[in-house]
Amino acid sequence: MTQLSISTGAGVFDAIAAGPPEGRQVLLLHGFPQTGLVWQRQIEALAAHGYRVVAPDQRGYSPGARPQRPEDYRISLLVDDVVAISEELGWAAFDLVGHDWGGAVAWWTAHAHPGRIRTLAVASTPHPGALATTLRTDEDQRTRSHYMIDWRDAPATEERMLAHDGKELRDFHAGKVPQESADAYVSHLSRPGALTAALNWYRAGRPEGAIGVIDVPTLYVWSTEDSAFGPAAAQETEQWVNGPYRFKTLQGVSHWIPEEAPETLSRLMLEHLQAHGE
């Protein structure tokens, strides 16, 4: 894998990349509290099959694209970043993959720019419309999502998460993510301003508009031990996809699918890409 610096109007995004430059382009979006490193195993698998794969550190996670105000992390701006990154890479159309917050951005991008997105694959995160529906109707999902409200409290959240060498951040991943990766995430978010920027995704406020159905071919992978997203939202997601849709449930796997079940996720992604070729 190689390191990239991708310059856009919003700043410079750090990224990791692999695969032949002429290969079919795939963009991978990470979530909280991780970086593009979360996709290491998927990058290796896709690159080995001839894909050109890029995984940026998103807004706030890249030091060169780290505005200070919470409102600078609105979903519309995060979508704009995806488009700007793809344009800087010279990608007119590409396959988009996301996990956690990166999954949310991927859903919104596929809705806003269907002509750019060849296929969509999301791990863990349900369609935002499905999540909104179940937050109104499902007590289990409301309970699971309460942390999103708690984490808006600043600077207490940062102080708590970084205390004792980032123990709370480490506990998120305990036993599910390779120790060296967990260490790298904590080190990254311990730098001045980094954790506040990452938490500003939760503090940015509601989206400016409504999201509709997705028309591009979509793979959604959910896991039964996900503490953030329950079965109601996962099952509701099908109602929000008009294009070809595949839903896979991973039994006994937690929220951290890319690192806890890397071979399975890589296989599903490759099947999805091959089923919807150019």
Foldseek 3Di string as FASTA:
>chain_A
DDWDWQQFPLWTWIKDKAADLPAAEEEEEEAPLAFLVLQVLLRVLVRVVHHIYMYTGFALLGPGRDDQDLQCLALVNRLVVVVRRCVSSVQQAHAYEYAHVRQQSQLQNLQVCVVRHQEYEYEADFHPVLLVVCCVPPPLLVVLACVLVVLLDPPVNVCVCPPPNRVNQLVVCPPQAPPVRSNVSSVSCPPPSRVSRSNSNSVNDDHPDDGAAGAHEYEYEHEPAESNDHDSSLVSRVVRYPHHYDYHYHYPHYSSCCGRPVVVVSVVVVVSDVVRDD
